Amino acid sequence: MGVANFIVLERKIEGLDTMMDGKGLARHSEALEAAAQQLGVRPLPEFFSADPAQLAEFMHGEGMETESMELPALQQFPAEEGLATVRALLTQGSLWDEGVLHDLRDCERILSVAAQNGMQFHLEVDI
């Protein structure tokens, strides 16, 4: 199994498959973040968010108390911004292994359609 990152759109787009592996992005998150900063685009970790109710449920399942915590609200980001980051990272293709390239191409495919539809998104982590 392992940790994976994936895209969550603000709403479903008919005919768009949003499934992706995401393990390459998770495994190489620090290198991807450094590359994005070097390229002058927003790093992928800045697009992460989570629904507070889902986050509370996860934390409760891990034995953490959430009643006294104020969990951050879900943030959504313009697909165009994520697409700019992904495309910039793809220009550095020689840095990435096939798993990362596959994930970045999936992100580009999903975010391109989302941008064409004026949608927002966020990234989540699957553990």
Foldseek 3Di string as FASTA:
>chain_A
DDKFKFKDWPDDDPPDDRDDGRRQCVVCQVVLQVQLVVLVAHRQVVQAFDAPVVVCVVCVVVVDDPPPPDGDHGDWAWLVRVLVSLVSVVVVVVVGDPRNNRRSVSSNSVSVVCNVVRIIIGMYMDD
